[in-house]
Amino acid sequence: MPYIKTRDETEIFYRDWAPVEAPPIMFHHGWPLTADDWDNQMLFFLSEGYRVIAADRRGHGRSQETWTGNDMDTYAADTDDLVTALNLANVVHVGHSTGGGVVARYVA
C-alpha cells in the first residue's frame, strides 16, 4: 500500500489512480471516514480520464494515529506534503465535511 511520510514523520496512506499526466482531482473525506468513502466518485472521474487521489487523514483508516497534529493547520500541511510528494500541479480539491475544512485551510 502506498504511504508518504509528512514533515513530522507521520505515515499517511493514499490512493492514486490513473497516469500521472492526467488532470488530477484530490478528494478529502469527512470525519470519521476514510478515502474509501470516495470510491464511486473516484471511479467515475477515472473513467472520464482524470487522475484521482484520496488519502486517509492522520488518525483515520490506514494512516498513522498521532497524539498531536489533529487540527486544520496540520491536516492542510499533510495535504501539502502529499501534493509535493506526488508532484501534483493544477489540482482540483474536493472535500466533504471536515474534508471541506481541510480544503479551505489548504487553499488559504
C-alpha atoms as a PDB file:
ATOM      1  CA  MET A   1       0.000   0.000   0.000  1.00  0.00           C
ATOM      2  CA  PRO A   2       1.312   3.485  -0.796  1.00  0.00           C
ATOM      3  CA  TYR A   3       2.281   5.815   2.035  1.00  0.00           C
ATOM      4  CA  ILE A   4       4.116   9.101   2.356  1.00  0.00           C
ATOM      5  CA  LYS A   5       5.843  10.487   5.435  1.00  0.00           C
ATOM      6  CA  THR A   6       4.814  14.004   6.347  1.00  0.00           C
ATOM      7  CA  ARG A   7       7.164  16.690   7.634  1.00  0.00           C
ATOM      8  CA  ASP A   8       6.583  15.402  11.185  1.00  0.00           C
ATOM      9  CA  GLU A   9       7.208  11.785  10.071  1.00  0.00           C
ATOM     10  CA  THR A  10       3.546  10.712  10.222  1.00  0.00           C
ATOM     11  CA  GLU A  11       2.711   7.961   7.729  1.00  0.00           C
ATOM     12  CA  ILE A  12      -0.247   8.866   5.517  1.00  0.00           C
ATOM     13  CA  PHE A  13      -1.942   6.256   3.334  1.00  0.00           C
ATOM     14  CA  TYR A  14      -3.121   7.388  -0.082  1.00  0.00           C
ATOM     15  CA  ARG A  15      -4.675   6.081  -3.273  1.00  0.00           C
ATOM     16  CA  ASP A  16      -3.501   7.423  -6.624  1.00  0.00           C
ATOM     17  CA  TRP A  17      -5.247   6.075  -9.705  1.00  0.00           C
ATOM     18  CA  ALA A  18      -4.526   6.830 -13.404  1.00  0.00           C
ATOM     19  CA  PRO A  19      -1.491   8.021 -15.312  1.00  0.00           C
ATOM     20  CA  VAL A  20       0.496  10.898 -13.840  1.00  0.00           C
ATOM     21  CA  GLU A  21      -0.134  13.031 -16.940  1.00  0.00           C
ATOM     22  CA  ALA A  22      -3.937  13.008 -16.440  1.00  0.00           C
ATOM     23  CA  PRO A  23      -5.525  16.092 -14.808  1.00  0.00           C
ATOM     24  CA  PRO A  24      -5.605  15.469 -11.028  1.00  0.00           C
ATOM     25  CA  ILE A  25      -8.541  15.616  -8.640  1.00  0.00           C
ATOM     26  CA  MET A  26      -7.867  15.132  -4.915  1.00  0.00           C
ATOM     27  CA  PHE A  27     -10.678  14.045  -2.608  1.00  0.00           C
ATOM     28  CA  HIS A  28     -10.749  14.848   1.136  1.00  0.00           C
ATOM     29  CA  HIS A  29     -13.011  12.745   3.363  1.00  0.00           C
ATOM     30  CA  GLY A  30     -15.135  13.804   6.313  1.00  0.00           C
ATOM     31  CA  TRP A  31     -14.869  12.662   9.915  1.00  0.00           C
ATOM     32  CA  PRO A  32     -14.653   9.724  10.764  1.00  0.00           C
ATOM     33  CA  LEU A  33     -14.475   8.320   7.226  1.00  0.00           C
ATOM     34  CA  THR A  34     -11.567   7.252   5.000  1.00  0.00           C
ATOM     35  CA  ALA A  35     -10.502   7.634   1.374  1.00  0.00           C
ATOM     36  CA  ASP A  36     -12.749   4.652   0.609  1.00  0.00           C
ATOM     37  CA  ASP A  37     -15.778   6.910   1.024  1.00  0.00           C
ATOM     38  CA  TRP A  38     -14.903   8.467  -2.350  1.00  0.00           C
ATOM     39  CA  ASP A  39     -14.760   5.190  -4.346  1.00  0.00           C
ATOM     40  CA  ASN A  40     -17.813   5.913  -6.527  1.00  0.00           C
ATOM     41  CA  GLN A  41     -16.688   9.428  -7.384  1.00  0.00           C
ATOM     42  CA  MET A  42     -13.111   8.299  -7.994  1.00  0.00           C
ATOM     43  CA  LEU A  43     -14.215   5.516 -10.330  1.00  0.00           C
ATOM     44  CA  PHE A  44     -16.442   7.925 -12.256  1.00  0.00           C
ATOM     45  CA  PHE A  45     -13.739  10.558 -12.759  1.00  0.00           C
ATOM     46  CA  LEU A  46     -11.167   7.876 -13.515  1.00  0.00           C
ATOM     47  CA  SER A  47     -13.445   6.664 -16.346  1.00  0.00           C
ATOM     48  CA  GLU A  48     -13.587  10.260 -17.605  1.00  0.00           C
ATOM     49  CA  GLY A  49      -9.789  10.444 -17.926  1.00  0.00           C
ATOM     50  CA  TYR A  50      -8.793  12.086 -14.642  1.00  0.00           C
ATOM     51  CA  ARG A  51      -6.108  11.117 -12.168  1.00  0.00           C
ATOM     52  CA  VAL A  52      -7.847  10.669  -8.820  1.00  0.00           C
ATOM     53  CA  ILE A  53      -6.163  10.846  -5.431  1.00  0.00           C
ATOM     54  CA  ALA A  54      -7.550  10.341  -1.930  1.00  0.00           C
ATOM     55  CA  ALA A  55      -5.803   9.879   1.398  1.00  0.00           C
ATOM     56  CA  ASP A  56      -6.782   8.675   4.836  1.00  0.00           C
ATOM     57  CA  ARG A  57      -6.273  11.690   7.082  1.00  0.00           C
ATOM     58  CA  ARG A  58      -3.922  11.136  10.047  1.00  0.00           C
ATOM     59  CA  GLY A  59      -5.700   9.177  12.752  1.00  0.00           C
ATOM     60  CA  HIS A  60      -8.165   7.721  10.238  1.00  0.00           C
ATOM     61  CA  GLY A  61      -8.223   4.419   8.381  1.00  0.00           C
ATOM     62  CA  ARG A  62      -4.802   3.167   7.308  1.00  0.00           C
ATOM     63  CA  SER A  63      -2.882   6.323   8.242  1.00  0.00           C
ATOM     64  CA  GLN A  64      -0.871   6.573  11.421  1.00  0.00           C
ATOM     65  CA  GLU A  65      -2.575   7.667  14.625  1.00  0.00           C
ATOM     66  CA  THR A  66      -0.979  10.646  16.336  1.00  0.00           C
ATOM     67  CA  TRP A  67      -1.394  12.392  19.663  1.00  0.00           C
ATOM     68  CA  THR A  68      -0.648  15.757  18.093  1.00  0.00           C
ATOM     69  CA  GLY A  69      -1.443  17.456  14.825  1.00  0.00           C
ATOM     70  CA  ASN A  70      -5.146  16.710  14.757  1.00  0.00           C
ATOM     71  CA  ASP A  71      -6.078  20.217  13.652  1.00  0.00           C
ATOM     72  CA  MET A  72      -6.802  22.010  10.381  1.00  0.00           C
ATOM     73  CA  ASP A  73      -3.328  23.540  10.095  1.00  0.00           C
ATOM     74  CA  THR A  74      -1.657  20.129  10.286  1.00  0.00           C
ATOM     75  CA  TYR A  75      -4.214  18.488   8.005  1.00  0.00           C
ATOM     76  CA  ALA A  76      -3.504  21.225   5.449  1.00  0.00           C
ATOM     77  CA  ALA A  77       0.258  20.693   5.885  1.00  0.00           C
ATOM     78  CA  ASP A  78      -0.254  16.956   5.350  1.00  0.00           C
ATOM     79  CA  THR A  79      -2.148  17.764   2.147  1.00  0.00           C
ATOM     80  CA  ASP A  80       0.734  19.960   1.021  1.00  0.00           C
ATOM     81  CA  ASP A  81       3.194  17.149   1.763  1.00  0.00           C
ATOM     82  CA  LEU A  82       1.136  14.716  -0.327  1.00  0.00           C
ATOM     83  CA  VAL A  83       0.749  17.194  -3.213  1.00  0.00           C
ATOM     84  CA  THR A  84       4.513  17.778  -3.130  1.00  0.00           C
ATOM     85  CA  ALA A  85       5.403  14.069  -2.872  1.00  0.00           C
ATOM     86  CA  LEU A  86       3.198  13.236  -5.856  1.00  0.00           C
ATOM     87  CA  ASN A  87       4.454  16.262  -7.810  1.00  0.00           C
ATOM     88  CA  LEU A  88       0.905  17.449  -8.476  1.00  0.00           C
ATOM     89  CA  ALA A  89       0.046  20.678 -10.253  1.00  0.00           C
ATOM     90  CA  ASN A  90      -3.287  22.349 -11.037  1.00  0.00           C
ATOM     91  CA  VAL A  91      -5.133  20.024  -8.661  1.00  0.00           C
ATOM     92  CA  VAL A  92      -8.882  20.259  -8.150  1.00  0.00           C
ATOM     93  CA  HIS A  93      -9.609  19.653  -4.444  1.00  0.00           C
ATOM     94  CA  VAL A  94     -12.982  18.259  -3.361  1.00  0.00           C
ATOM     95  CA  GLY A  95     -13.931  17.961   0.299  1.00  0.00           C
ATOM     96  CA  HIS A  96     -16.833  16.712   2.382  1.00  0.00           C
ATOM     97  CA  SER A  97     -17.494  17.802   5.959  1.00  0.00           C
ATOM     98  CA  THR A  98     -14.115  18.024   7.742  1.00  0.00           C
ATOM     99  CA  GLY A  99     -12.513  17.465   4.344  1.00  0.00           C
ATOM    100  CA  GLY A 100     -14.122  20.706   3.160  1.00  0.00           C
ATOM    101  CA  GLY A 101     -12.461  22.499   6.063  1.00  0.00           C
ATOM    102  CA  VAL A 102      -9.122  20.945   5.136  1.00  0.00           C
ATOM    103  CA  VAL A 103      -9.531  22.153   1.536  1.00  0.00           C
ATOM    104  CA  ALA A 104     -10.413  25.679   2.706  1.00  0.00           C
ATOM    105  CA  ARG A 105      -7.394  25.798   5.035  1.00  0.00           C
ATOM    106  CA  TYR A 106      -5.080  24.318   2.398  1.00  0.00           C
ATOM    107  CA  VAL A 107      -6.008  26.787  -0.340  1.00  0.00           C
ATOM    108  CA  ALA A 108      -5.889  29.693   2.122  1.00  0.00           C
END
